[in-house]
Amino acid sequence: ILERIVAPTAVSLPVRRGQVLGRLELRVGARLLARVPLVAAHSQA
């Protein structure tokens, strides 16, 4: 299973808890198994 995290290396502040900042993709070969949004775990002023 290939786990791929697609997210920026830096973001502009402030960031709100729950703000979508990327996605997680799980693949077997070329087949996409799942795609889930990644969100900020906490706020950052």
PDB file of all heavy atoms in Angstrom:
ATOM      1  N   ILE A   1       0.858  -1.185   0.000  1.00  0.00           N
ATOM      2  CA  ILE A   1       0.000   0.000   0.000  1.00  0.00           C
ATOM      3  C   ILE A   1       0.892   1.232   0.000  1.00  0.00           C
ATOM      4  O   ILE A   1       1.796   1.353   0.829  1.00  0.00           O
ATOM      5  CB  ILE A   1      -0.915   0.015   1.230  1.00  0.00           C
ATOM      6  CG1 ILE A   1      -1.837  -1.211   1.204  1.00  0.00           C
ATOM      7  CG2 ILE A   1      -1.736   1.299   1.271  1.00  0.00           C
ATOM      8  CD1 ILE A   1      -2.681  -1.344   2.449  1.00  0.00           C
ATOM      9  N   LEU A   2       0.634   2.139  -0.927  1.00  0.00           N
ATOM     10  CA  LEU A   2       1.380   3.393  -1.015  1.00  0.00           C
ATOM     11  C   LEU A   2       0.551   4.476  -0.329  1.00  0.00           C
ATOM     12  O   LEU A   2      -0.602   4.701  -0.694  1.00  0.00           O
ATOM     13  CB  LEU A   2       1.644   3.781  -2.468  1.00  0.00           C
ATOM     14  CG  LEU A   2       2.265   5.149  -2.693  1.00  0.00           C
ATOM     15  CD1 LEU A   2       3.681   5.181  -2.128  1.00  0.00           C
ATOM     16  CD2 LEU A   2       2.269   5.496  -4.163  1.00  0.00           C
ATOM     17  N   GLU A   3       1.139   5.110   0.679  1.00  0.00           N
ATOM     18  CA  GLU A   3       0.498   6.205   1.389  1.00  0.00           C
ATOM     19  C   GLU A   3       1.127   7.497   0.895  1.00  0.00           C
ATOM     20  O   GLU A   3       2.343   7.693   1.005  1.00  0.00           O
ATOM     21  CB  GLU A   3       0.721   6.043   2.884  1.00  0.00           C
ATOM     22  CG  GLU A   3       0.126   7.147   3.707  1.00  0.00           C
ATOM     23  CD  GLU A   3       0.430   6.953   5.174  1.00  0.00           C
ATOM     24  OE1 GLU A   3       1.537   7.322   5.591  1.00  0.00           O
ATOM     25  OE2 GLU A   3      -0.425   6.422   5.880  1.00  0.00           O
ATOM     26  N   ARG A   4       0.308   8.391   0.336  1.00  0.00           N
ATOM     27  CA  ARG A   4       0.824   9.645  -0.216  1.00  0.00           C
ATOM     28  C   ARG A   4       0.131  10.806   0.482  1.00  0.00           C
ATOM     29  O   ARG A   4      -1.093  10.880   0.502  1.00  0.00           O
ATOM     30  CB  ARG A   4       0.548   9.693  -1.709  1.00  0.00           C
ATOM     31  CG  ARG A   4       1.053  10.937  -2.364  1.00  0.00           C
ATOM     32  CD  ARG A   4       0.855  10.865  -3.863  1.00  0.00           C
ATOM     33  NE  ARG A   4       1.253  12.098  -4.473  1.00  0.00           N
ATOM     34  CZ  ARG A   4       0.685  12.604  -5.551  1.00  0.00           C
ATOM     35  NH1 ARG A   4      -0.262  11.946  -6.161  1.00  0.00           N
ATOM     36  NH2 ARG A   4       1.098  13.747  -6.030  1.00  0.00           N
ATOM     37  N   ILE A   5       0.926  11.692   1.056  1.00  0.00           N
ATOM     38  CA  ILE A   5       0.402  12.891   1.704  1.00  0.00           C
ATOM     39  C   ILE A   5       0.644  14.066   0.764  1.00  0.00           C
ATOM     40  O   ILE A   5       1.781  14.336   0.377  1.00  0.00           O
ATOM     41  CB  ILE A   5       1.071  13.126   3.067  1.00  0.00           C
ATOM     42  CG1 ILE A   5       0.744  11.970   4.005  1.00  0.00           C
ATOM     43  CG2 ILE A   5       0.644  14.472   3.656  1.00  0.00           C
ATOM     44  CD1 ILE A   5       1.479  12.003   5.307  1.00  0.00           C
ATOM     45  N   VAL A   6      -0.428  14.728   0.400  1.00  0.00           N
ATOM     46  CA  VAL A   6      -0.348  15.890  -0.480  1.00  0.00           C
ATOM     47  C   VAL A   6      -0.710  17.107   0.362  1.00  0.00           C
ATOM     48  O   VAL A   6      -1.875  17.291   0.732  1.00  0.00           O
ATOM     49  CB  VAL A   6      -1.315  15.753  -1.677  1.00  0.00           C
ATOM     50  CG1 VAL A   6      -1.204  16.952  -2.589  1.00  0.00           C
ATOM     51  CG2 VAL A   6      -1.059  14.453  -2.431  1.00  0.00           C
ATOM     52  N   ALA A   7       0.306  17.908   0.701  1.00  0.00           N
ATOM     53  CA  ALA A   7       0.097  19.081   1.546  1.00  0.00           C
ATOM     54  C   ALA A   7       1.228  20.070   1.306  1.00  0.00           C
ATOM     55  O   ALA A   7       2.344  19.664   0.967  1.00  0.00           O
ATOM     56  CB  ALA A   7       0.057  18.675   3.017  1.00  0.00           C
ATOM     57  N   PRO A   8       0.967  21.349   1.497  1.00  0.00           N
ATOM     58  CA  PRO A   8       2.034  22.346   1.331  1.00  0.00           C
ATOM     59  C   PRO A   8       3.070  22.230   2.451  1.00  0.00           C
ATOM     60  O   PRO A   8       2.757  21.771   3.550  1.00  0.00           O
ATOM     61  CB  PRO A   8       1.286  23.678   1.404  1.00  0.00           C
ATOM     62  CG  PRO A   8       0.051  23.385   2.175  1.00  0.00           C
ATOM     63  CD  PRO A   8      -0.299  21.955   1.869  1.00  0.00           C
ATOM     64  N   THR A   9       4.293  22.633   2.161  1.00  0.00           N
ATOM     65  CA  THR A   9       5.348  22.610   3.174  1.00  0.00           C
ATOM     66  C   THR A   9       5.244  23.808   4.117  1.00  0.00           C
ATOM     67  O   THR A   9       5.807  23.790   5.202  1.00  0.00           O
ATOM     68  CB  THR A   9       6.741  22.600   2.528  1.00  0.00           C
ATOM     69  OG1 THR A   9       6.849  23.734   1.675  1.00  0.00           O
ATOM     70  CG2 THR A   9       6.957  21.326   1.736  1.00  0.00           C
ATOM     71  N   ALA A  10       4.530  24.842   3.694  1.00  0.00           N
ATOM     72  CA  ALA A  10       4.329  26.030   4.531  1.00  0.00           C
ATOM     73  C   ALA A  10       2.946  26.598   4.239  1.00  0.00           C
ATOM     74  O   ALA A  10       2.454  26.500   3.114  1.00  0.00           O
ATOM     75  CB  ALA A  10       5.399  27.072   4.233  1.00  0.00           C
ATOM     76  N   VAL A  11       2.327  27.176   5.251  1.00  0.00           N
ATOM     77  CA  VAL A  11       1.019  27.820   5.090  1.00  0.00           C
ATOM     78  C   VAL A  11       1.050  29.190   5.753  1.00  0.00           C
ATOM     79  O   VAL A  11       1.853  29.448   6.648  1.00  0.00           O
ATOM     80  CB  VAL A  11      -0.127  26.984   5.702  1.00  0.00           C
ATOM     81  CG1 VAL A  11      -0.311  25.690   4.961  1.00  0.00           C
ATOM     82  CG2 VAL A  11       0.086  26.740   7.175  1.00  0.00           C
ATOM     83  N   SER A  12       0.193  30.058   5.296  1.00  0.00           N
ATOM     84  CA  SER A  12       0.076  31.387   5.895  1.00  0.00           C
ATOM     85  C   SER A  12      -0.732  31.297   7.182  1.00  0.00           C
ATOM     86  O   SER A  12      -1.724  30.586   7.246  1.00  0.00           O
ATOM     87  CB  SER A  12      -0.621  32.343   4.933  1.00  0.00           C
ATOM     88  OG  SER A  12       0.129  32.501   3.764  1.00  0.00           O
ATOM     89  N   LEU A  13      -0.259  31.999   8.196  1.00  0.00           N
ATOM     90  CA  LEU A  13      -0.974  32.039   9.467  1.00  0.00           C
ATOM     91  C   LEU A  13      -1.933  33.209   9.465  1.00  0.00           C
ATOM     92  O   LEU A  13      -1.693  34.189   8.774  1.00  0.00           O
ATOM     93  CB  LEU A  13       0.034  32.161  10.617  1.00  0.00           C
ATOM     94  CG  LEU A  13       0.971  30.974  10.778  1.00  0.00           C
ATOM     95  CD1 LEU A  13       1.952  31.242  11.904  1.00  0.00           C
ATOM     96  CD2 LEU A  13       0.211  29.693  11.025  1.00  0.00           C
ATOM     97  N   PRO A  14      -3.013  33.157  10.180  1.00  0.00           N
ATOM     98  CA  PRO A  14      -3.432  32.153  11.145  1.00  0.00           C
ATOM     99  C   PRO A  14      -4.064  30.936  10.465  1.00  0.00           C
ATOM    100  O   PRO A  14      -4.562  31.019   9.337  1.00  0.00           O
ATOM    101  CB  PRO A  14      -4.461  32.894  11.997  1.00  0.00           C
ATOM    102  CG  PRO A  14      -5.052  33.892  11.067  1.00  0.00           C
ATOM    103  CD  PRO A  14      -3.936  34.301  10.146  1.00  0.00           C
ATOM    104  N   VAL A  15      -4.042  29.808  11.182  1.00  0.00           N
ATOM    105  CA  VAL A  15      -4.676  28.569  10.733  1.00  0.00           C
ATOM    106  C   VAL A  15      -5.721  28.197  11.775  1.00  0.00           C
ATOM    107  O   VAL A  15      -5.453  28.250  12.970  1.00  0.00           O
ATOM    108  CB  VAL A  15      -3.633  27.432  10.596  1.00  0.00           C
ATOM    109  CG1 VAL A  15      -4.310  26.110  10.334  1.00  0.00           C
ATOM    110  CG2 VAL A  15      -2.645  27.752   9.496  1.00  0.00           C
ATOM    111  N   ARG A  16      -6.916  27.855  11.307  1.00  0.00           N
ATOM    112  CA  ARG A  16      -7.989  27.459  12.221  1.00  0.00           C
ATOM    113  C   ARG A  16      -8.030  25.950  12.374  1.00  0.00           C
ATOM    114  O   ARG A  16      -7.768  25.218  11.420  1.00  0.00           O
ATOM    115  CB  ARG A  16      -9.345  27.923  11.687  1.00  0.00           C
ATOM    116  CG  ARG A  16      -9.504  29.412  11.594  1.00  0.00           C
ATOM    117  CD  ARG A  16     -10.844  29.807  11.002  1.00  0.00           C
ATOM    118  NE  ARG A  16     -11.353  28.935   9.957  1.00  0.00           N
ATOM    119  CZ  ARG A  16     -11.026  29.011   8.664  1.00  0.00           C
ATOM    120  NH1 ARG A  16     -10.158  29.911   8.265  1.00  0.00           N
ATOM    121  NH2 ARG A  16     -11.561  28.191   7.789  1.00  0.00           N
ATOM    122  N   ARG A  17      -8.357  25.473  13.563  1.00  0.00           N
ATOM    123  CA  ARG A  17      -8.531  24.038  13.787  1.00  0.00           C
ATOM    124  C   ARG A  17      -9.623  23.536  12.843  1.00  0.00           C
ATOM    125  O   ARG A  17     -10.681  24.141  12.718  1.00  0.00           O
ATOM    126  CB  ARG A  17      -8.941  23.790  15.235  1.00  0.00           C
ATOM    127  CG  ARG A  17      -9.146  22.333  15.540  1.00  0.00           C
ATOM    128  CD  ARG A  17      -9.484  22.142  17.000  1.00  0.00           C
ATOM    129  NE  ARG A  17      -9.710  20.737  17.240  1.00  0.00           N
ATOM    130  CZ  ARG A  17     -10.696  20.247  17.947  1.00  0.00           C
ATOM    131  NH1 ARG A  17     -11.547  21.069  18.516  1.00  0.00           N
ATOM    132  NH2 ARG A  17     -10.835  18.969  18.108  1.00  0.00           N
ATOM    133  N   GLY A  18      -9.328  22.434  12.135  1.00  0.00           N
ATOM    134  CA  GLY A  18     -10.286  21.870  11.188  1.00  0.00           C
ATOM    135  C   GLY A  18     -10.153  22.421   9.782  1.00  0.00           C
ATOM    136  O   GLY A  18     -10.854  21.962   8.877  1.00  0.00           O
ATOM    137  N   GLN A  19      -9.270  23.376   9.575  1.00  0.00           N
ATOM    138  CA  GLN A  19      -9.063  23.946   8.246  1.00  0.00           C
ATOM    139  C   GLN A  19      -8.390  22.908   7.355  1.00  0.00           C
ATOM    140  O   GLN A  19      -7.394  22.307   7.730  1.00  0.00           O
ATOM    141  CB  GLN A  19      -8.184  25.203   8.340  1.00  0.00           C
ATOM    142  CG  GLN A  19      -7.904  25.876   7.028  1.00  0.00           C
ATOM    143  CD  GLN A  19      -7.083  27.150   7.204  1.00  0.00           C
ATOM    144  OE1 GLN A  19      -7.036  27.731   8.296  1.00  0.00           O
ATOM    145  NE2 GLN A  19      -6.435  27.577   6.150  1.00  0.00           N
ATOM    146  N   VAL A  20      -8.941  22.681   6.161  1.00  0.00           N
ATOM    147  CA  VAL A  20      -8.382  21.693   5.233  1.00  0.00           C
ATOM    148  C   VAL A  20      -7.070  22.228   4.675  1.00  0.00           C
ATOM    149  O   VAL A  20      -7.022  23.323   4.106  1.00  0.00           O
ATOM    150  CB  VAL A  20      -9.366  21.369   4.090  1.00  0.00           C
ATOM    151  CG1 VAL A  20      -8.741  20.410   3.102  1.00  0.00           C
ATOM    152  CG2 VAL A  20     -10.656  20.794   4.651  1.00  0.00           C
ATOM    153  N   LEU A  21      -5.991  21.433   4.845  1.00  0.00           N
ATOM    154  CA  LEU A  21      -4.668  21.853   4.387  1.00  0.00           C
ATOM    155  C   LEU A  21      -4.028  20.849   3.429  1.00  0.00           C
ATOM    156  O   LEU A  21      -2.924  21.077   2.961  1.00  0.00           O
ATOM    157  CB  LEU A  21      -3.737  22.064   5.590  1.00  0.00           C
ATOM    158  CG  LEU A  21      -4.144  23.191   6.536  1.00  0.00           C
ATOM    159  CD1 LEU A  21      -3.226  23.212   7.743  1.00  0.00           C
ATOM    160  CD2 LEU A  21      -4.134  24.520   5.828  1.00  0.00           C
ATOM    161  N   GLY A  22      -4.688  19.748   3.157  1.00  0.00           N
ATOM    162  CA  GLY A  22      -4.107  18.756   2.249  1.00  0.00           C
ATOM    163  C   GLY A  22      -5.002  17.541   2.149  1.00  0.00           C
ATOM    164  O   GLY A  22      -6.184  17.579   2.504  1.00  0.00           O
ATOM    165  N   ARG A  23      -4.411  16.434   1.672  1.00  0.00           N
ATOM    166  CA  ARG A  23      -5.169  15.189   1.571  1.00  0.00           C
ATOM    167  C   ARG A  23      -4.233  13.997   1.704  1.00  0.00           C
ATOM    168  O   ARG A  23      -3.025  14.101   1.456  1.00  0.00           O
ATOM    169  CB  ARG A  23      -5.948  15.115   0.262  1.00  0.00           C
ATOM    170  CG  ARG A  23      -5.082  14.986  -0.980  1.00  0.00           C
ATOM    171  CD  ARG A  23      -5.937  14.949  -2.241  1.00  0.00           C
ATOM    172  NE  ARG A  23      -5.113  14.800  -3.410  1.00  0.00           N
ATOM    173  CZ  ARG A  23      -4.571  15.781  -4.089  1.00  0.00           C
ATOM    174  NH1 ARG A  23      -4.773  17.030  -3.713  1.00  0.00           N
ATOM    175  NH2 ARG A  23      -3.819  15.545  -5.152  1.00  0.00           N
ATOM    176  N   LEU A  24      -4.805  12.873   2.104  1.00  0.00           N
ATOM    177  CA  LEU A  24      -4.102  11.604   2.214  1.00  0.00           C
ATOM    178  C   LEU A  24      -4.669  10.679   1.154  1.00  0.00           C
ATOM    179  O   LEU A  24      -5.884  10.547   1.037  1.00  0.00           O
ATOM    180  CB  LEU A  24      -4.309  11.002   3.603  1.00  0.00           C
ATOM    181  CG  LEU A  24      -3.841   9.566   3.807  1.00  0.00           C
ATOM    182  CD1 LEU A  24      -2.326   9.470   3.689  1.00  0.00           C
ATOM    183  CD2 LEU A  24      -4.313   9.044   5.147  1.00  0.00           C
ATOM    184  N   GLU A  25      -3.790  10.065   0.357  1.00  0.00           N
ATOM    185  CA  GLU A  25      -4.213   9.121  -0.668  1.00  0.00           C
ATOM    186  C   GLU A  25      -3.588   7.768  -0.377  1.00  0.00           C
ATOM    187  O   GLU A  25      -2.401   7.688  -0.070  1.00  0.00           O
ATOM    188  CB  GLU A  25      -3.772   9.577  -2.057  1.00  0.00           C
ATOM    189  CG  GLU A  25      -4.395  10.883  -2.495  1.00  0.00           C
ATOM    190  CD  GLU A  25      -3.877  11.357  -3.842  1.00  0.00           C
ATOM    191  OE1 GLU A  25      -2.915  10.755  -4.378  1.00  0.00           O
ATOM    192  OE2 GLU A  25      -4.440  12.333  -4.359  1.00  0.00           O
ATOM    193  N   LEU A  26      -4.382   6.725  -0.451  1.00  0.00           N
ATOM    194  CA  LEU A  26      -3.900   5.356  -0.314  1.00  0.00           C
ATOM    195  C   LEU A  26      -4.094   4.652  -1.646  1.00  0.00           C
ATOM    196  O   LEU A  26      -5.184   4.683  -2.215  1.00  0.00           O
ATOM    197  CB  LEU A  26      -4.657   4.609   0.786  1.00  0.00           C
ATOM    198  CG  LEU A  26      -4.494   5.145   2.189  1.00  0.00           C
ATOM    199  CD1 LEU A  26      -5.333   4.338   3.163  1.00  0.00           C
ATOM    200  CD2 LEU A  26      -3.046   5.129   2.617  1.00  0.00           C
ATOM    201  N   ARG A  27      -3.026   4.006  -2.130  1.00  0.00           N
ATOM    202  CA  ARG A  27      -3.065   3.341  -3.429  1.00  0.00           C
ATOM    203  C   ARG A  27      -2.470   1.949  -3.343  1.00  0.00           C
ATOM    204  O   ARG A  27      -1.567   1.698  -2.564  1.00  0.00           O
ATOM    205  CB  ARG A  27      -2.275   4.130  -4.477  1.00  0.00           C
ATOM    206  CG  ARG A  27      -2.854   5.478  -4.796  1.00  0.00           C
ATOM    207  CD  ARG A  27      -2.010   6.205  -5.850  1.00  0.00           C
ATOM    208  NE  ARG A  27      -2.594   7.477  -6.188  1.00  0.00           N
ATOM    209  CZ  ARG A  27      -3.498   7.656  -7.143  1.00  0.00           C
ATOM    210  NH1 ARG A  27      -3.886   6.635  -7.872  1.00  0.00           N
ATOM    211  NH2 ARG A  27      -3.992   8.846  -7.393  1.00  0.00           N
ATOM    212  N   VAL A  28      -2.987   1.057  -4.182  1.00  0.00           N
ATOM    213  CA  VAL A  28      -2.378  -0.243  -4.441  1.00  0.00           C
ATOM    214  C   VAL A  28      -2.092  -0.231  -5.935  1.00  0.00           C
ATOM    215  O   VAL A  28      -3.016  -0.238  -6.749  1.00  0.00           O
ATOM    216  CB  VAL A  28      -3.310  -1.417  -4.070  1.00  0.00           C
ATOM    217  CG1 VAL A  28      -2.722  -2.721  -4.566  1.00  0.00           C
ATOM    218  CG2 VAL A  28      -3.518  -1.472  -2.580  1.00  0.00           C
ATOM    219  N   GLY A  29      -0.804  -0.139  -6.280  1.00  0.00           N
ATOM    220  CA  GLY A  29      -0.443   0.042  -7.683  1.00  0.00           C
ATOM    221  C   GLY A  29      -0.993   1.374  -8.159  1.00  0.00           C
ATOM    222  O   GLY A  29      -0.855   2.391  -7.500  1.00  0.00           O
ATOM    223  N   ALA A  30      -1.674   1.357  -9.307  1.00  0.00           N
ATOM    224  CA  ALA A  30      -2.265   2.580  -9.848  1.00  0.00           C
ATOM    225  C   ALA A  30      -3.677   2.812  -9.315  1.00  0.00           C
ATOM    226  O   ALA A  30      -4.251   3.872  -9.537  1.00  0.00           O
ATOM    227  CB  ALA A  30      -2.290   2.509 -11.365  1.00  0.00           C
ATOM    228  N   ARG A  31      -4.235   1.846  -8.597  1.00  0.00           N
ATOM    229  CA  ARG A  31      -5.618   1.939  -8.123  1.00  0.00           C
ATOM    230  C   ARG A  31      -5.705   2.758  -6.837  1.00  0.00           C
ATOM    231  O   ARG A  31      -5.037   2.476  -5.842  1.00  0.00           O
ATOM    232  CB  ARG A  31      -6.170   0.540  -7.876  1.00  0.00           C
ATOM    233  CG  ARG A  31      -7.672   0.533  -7.652  1.00  0.00           C
ATOM    234  CD  ARG A  31      -8.160  -0.866  -7.482  1.00  0.00           C
ATOM    235  NE  ARG A  31      -8.144  -1.115  -6.029  1.00  0.00           N
ATOM    236  CZ  ARG A  31      -8.338  -2.275  -5.475  1.00  0.00           C
ATOM    237  NH1 ARG A  31      -8.495  -3.343  -6.212  1.00  0.00           N
ATOM    238  NH2 ARG A  31      -8.348  -2.399  -4.163  1.00  0.00           N
ATOM    239  N   LEU A  32      -6.548   3.760  -6.857  1.00  0.00           N
ATOM    240  CA  LEU A  32      -6.777   4.600  -5.683  1.00  0.00           C
ATOM    241  C   LEU A  32      -7.759   3.899  -4.758  1.00  0.00           C
ATOM    242  O   LEU A  32      -8.878   3.586  -5.145  1.00  0.00           O
ATOM    243  CB  LEU A  32      -7.332   5.965  -6.106  1.00  0.00           C
ATOM    244  CG  LEU A  32      -7.636   6.955  -4.994  1.00  0.00           C
ATOM    245  CD1 LEU A  32      -6.353   7.371  -4.290  1.00  0.00           C
ATOM    246  CD2 LEU A  32      -8.345   8.168  -5.554  1.00  0.00           C
ATOM    247  N   LEU A  33      -7.322   3.619  -3.528  1.00  0.00           N
ATOM    248  CA  LEU A  33      -8.186   2.974  -2.532  1.00  0.00           C
ATOM    249  C   LEU A  33      -9.020   3.984  -1.762  1.00  0.00           C
ATOM    250  O   LEU A  33     -10.189   3.756  -1.474  1.00  0.00           O
ATOM    251  CB  LEU A  33      -7.354   2.174  -1.533  1.00  0.00           C
ATOM    252  CG  LEU A  33      -6.606   0.969  -2.043  1.00  0.00           C
ATOM    253  CD1 LEU A  33      -5.776   0.374  -0.925  1.00  0.00           C
ATOM    254  CD2 LEU A  33      -7.572  -0.056  -2.589  1.00  0.00           C
ATOM    255  N   ALA A  34      -8.393   5.080  -1.381  1.00  0.00           N
ATOM    256  CA  ALA A  34      -9.096   6.081  -0.579  1.00  0.00           C
ATOM    257  C   ALA A  34      -8.397   7.426  -0.693  1.00  0.00           C
ATOM    258  O   ALA A  34      -7.192   7.494  -0.912  1.00  0.00           O
ATOM    259  CB  ALA A  34      -9.132   5.642   0.883  1.00  0.00           C
ATOM    260  N   ARG A  35      -9.199   8.459  -0.534  1.00  0.00           N
ATOM    261  CA  ARG A  35      -8.679   9.837  -0.486  1.00  0.00           C
ATOM    262  C   ARG A  35      -9.434  10.535   0.639  1.00  0.00           C
ATOM    263  O   ARG A  35     -10.661  10.562   0.643  1.00  0.00           O
ATOM    264  CB  ARG A  35      -8.922  10.552  -1.807  1.00  0.00           C
ATOM    265  CG  ARG A  35      -8.389  11.972  -1.809  1.00  0.00           C
ATOM    266  CD  ARG A  35      -8.628  12.681  -3.124  1.00  0.00           C
ATOM    267  NE  ARG A  35      -7.810  12.070  -4.151  1.00  0.00           N
ATOM    268  CZ  ARG A  35      -8.181  11.926  -5.415  1.00  0.00           C
ATOM    269  NH1 ARG A  35      -9.375  12.302  -5.813  1.00  0.00           N
ATOM    270  NH2 ARG A  35      -7.370  11.389  -6.288  1.00  0.00           N
ATOM    271  N   VAL A  36      -8.675  11.063   1.606  1.00  0.00           N
ATOM    272  CA  VAL A  36      -9.272  11.684   2.783  1.00  0.00           C
ATOM    273  C   VAL A  36      -8.641  13.061   2.993  1.00  0.00           C
ATOM    274  O   VAL A  36      -7.415  13.197   2.913  1.00  0.00           O
ATOM    275  CB  VAL A  36      -9.022  10.806   4.037  1.00  0.00           C
ATOM    276  CG1 VAL A  36      -9.587  11.458   5.272  1.00  0.00           C
ATOM    277  CG2 VAL A  36      -9.597   9.431   3.849  1.00  0.00           C
ATOM    278  N   PRO A  37      -9.447  14.084   3.270  1.00  0.00           N
ATOM    279  CA  PRO A  37      -8.879  15.405   3.568  1.00  0.00           C
ATOM    280  C   PRO A  37      -8.053  15.380   4.853  1.00  0.00           C
ATOM    281  O   PRO A  37      -8.376  14.661   5.799  1.00  0.00           O
ATOM    282  CB  PRO A  37     -10.112  16.295   3.741  1.00  0.00           C
ATOM    283  CG  PRO A  37     -11.223  15.571   3.084  1.00  0.00           C
ATOM    284  CD  PRO A  37     -10.909  14.116   3.211  1.00  0.00           C
ATOM    285  N   LEU A  38      -6.990  16.170   4.873  1.00  0.00           N
ATOM    286  CA  LEU A  38      -6.180  16.386   6.072  1.00  0.00           C
ATOM    287  C   LEU A  38      -6.462  17.791   6.576  1.00  0.00           C
ATOM    288  O   LEU A  38      -6.446  18.756   5.807  1.00  0.00           O
ATOM    289  CB  LEU A  38      -4.692  16.230   5.758  1.00  0.00           C
ATOM    290  CG  LEU A  38      -4.232  14.832   5.364  1.00  0.00           C
ATOM    291  CD1 LEU A  38      -2.767  14.873   4.942  1.00  0.00           C
ATOM    292  CD2 LEU A  38      -4.437  13.859   6.498  1.00  0.00           C
ATOM    293  N   VAL A  39      -6.729  17.893   7.876  1.00  0.00           N
ATOM    294  CA  VAL A  39      -7.081  19.183   8.468  1.00  0.00           C
ATOM    295  C   VAL A  39      -6.116  19.525   9.592  1.00  0.00           C
ATOM    296  O   VAL A  39      -5.434  18.652  10.136  1.00  0.00           O
ATOM    297  CB  VAL A  39      -8.532  19.171   9.003  1.00  0.00           C
ATOM    298  CG1 VAL A  39      -9.525  18.941   7.873  1.00  0.00           C
ATOM    299  CG2 VAL A  39      -8.716  18.139  10.095  1.00  0.00           C
ATOM    300  N   ALA A  40      -6.072  20.796   9.952  1.00  0.00           N
ATOM    301  CA  ALA A  40      -5.229  21.251  11.064  1.00  0.00           C
ATOM    302  C   ALA A  40      -5.757  20.668  12.364  1.00  0.00           C
ATOM    303  O   ALA A  40      -6.955  20.749  12.656  1.00  0.00           O
ATOM    304  CB  ALA A  40      -5.221  22.768  11.132  1.00  0.00           C
ATOM    305  N   ALA A  41      -4.859  20.081  13.152  1.00  0.00           N
ATOM    306  CA  ALA A  41      -5.243  19.469  14.423  1.00  0.00           C
ATOM    307  C   ALA A  41      -5.541  20.522  15.487  1.00  0.00           C
ATOM    308  O   ALA A  41      -6.305  20.273  16.409  1.00  0.00           O
ATOM    309  CB  ALA A  41      -4.141  18.533  14.913  1.00  0.00           C
ATOM    310  N   HIS A  42      -4.947  21.699  15.357  1.00  0.00           N
ATOM    311  CA  HIS A  42      -5.178  22.768  16.322  1.00  0.00           C
ATOM    312  C   HIS A  42      -5.013  24.109  15.622  1.00  0.00           C
ATOM    313  O   HIS A  42      -4.435  24.179  14.532  1.00  0.00           O
ATOM    314  CB  HIS A  42      -4.219  22.662  17.512  1.00  0.00           C
ATOM    315  CG  HIS A  42      -2.772  22.713  17.115  1.00  0.00           C
ATOM    316  ND1 HIS A  42      -2.079  21.610  16.691  1.00  0.00           N
ATOM    317  CD2 HIS A  42      -1.905  23.738  17.047  1.00  0.00           C
ATOM    318  CE1 HIS A  42      -0.838  21.954  16.373  1.00  0.00           C
ATOM    319  NE2 HIS A  42      -0.705  23.238  16.587  1.00  0.00           N
ATOM    320  N   SER A  43      -5.500  25.150  16.229  1.00  0.00           N
ATOM    321  CA  SER A  43      -5.370  26.498  15.675  1.00  0.00           C
ATOM    322  C   SER A  43      -3.974  27.035  15.953  1.00  0.00           C
ATOM    323  O   SER A  43      -3.353  26.693  16.957  1.00  0.00           O
ATOM    324  CB  SER A  43      -6.410  27.434  16.288  1.00  0.00           C
ATOM    325  OG  SER A  43      -7.703  27.008  15.955  1.00  0.00           O
ATOM    326  N   GLN A  44      -3.506  27.876  15.061  1.00  0.00           N
ATOM    327  CA  GLN A  44      -2.203  28.512  15.240  1.00  0.00           C
ATOM    328  C   GLN A  44      -2.339  29.973  14.826  1.00  0.00           C
ATOM    329  O   GLN A  44      -2.601  30.272  13.666  1.00  0.00           O
ATOM    330  CB  GLN A  44      -1.144  27.810  14.377  1.00  0.00           C
ATOM    331  CG  GLN A  44       0.245  28.388  14.498  1.00  0.00           C
ATOM    332  CD  GLN A  44       0.839  28.164  15.882  1.00  0.00           C
ATOM    333  OE1 GLN A  44       0.848  27.059  16.377  1.00  0.00           O
ATOM    334  NE2 GLN A  44       1.319  29.219  16.498  1.00  0.00           N
ATOM    335  N   ALA A  45      -2.180  30.856  15.794  1.00  0.00           N
ATOM    336  CA  ALA A  45      -2.285  32.285  15.527  1.00  0.00           C
ATOM    337  C   ALA A  45      -0.995  32.792  14.888  1.00  0.00           C
ATOM    338  O   ALA A  45       0.057  32.153  14.969  1.00  0.00           O
ATOM    339  CB  ALA A  45      -2.546  33.041  16.826  1.00  0.00           C
TER     340      ALA A  45
END
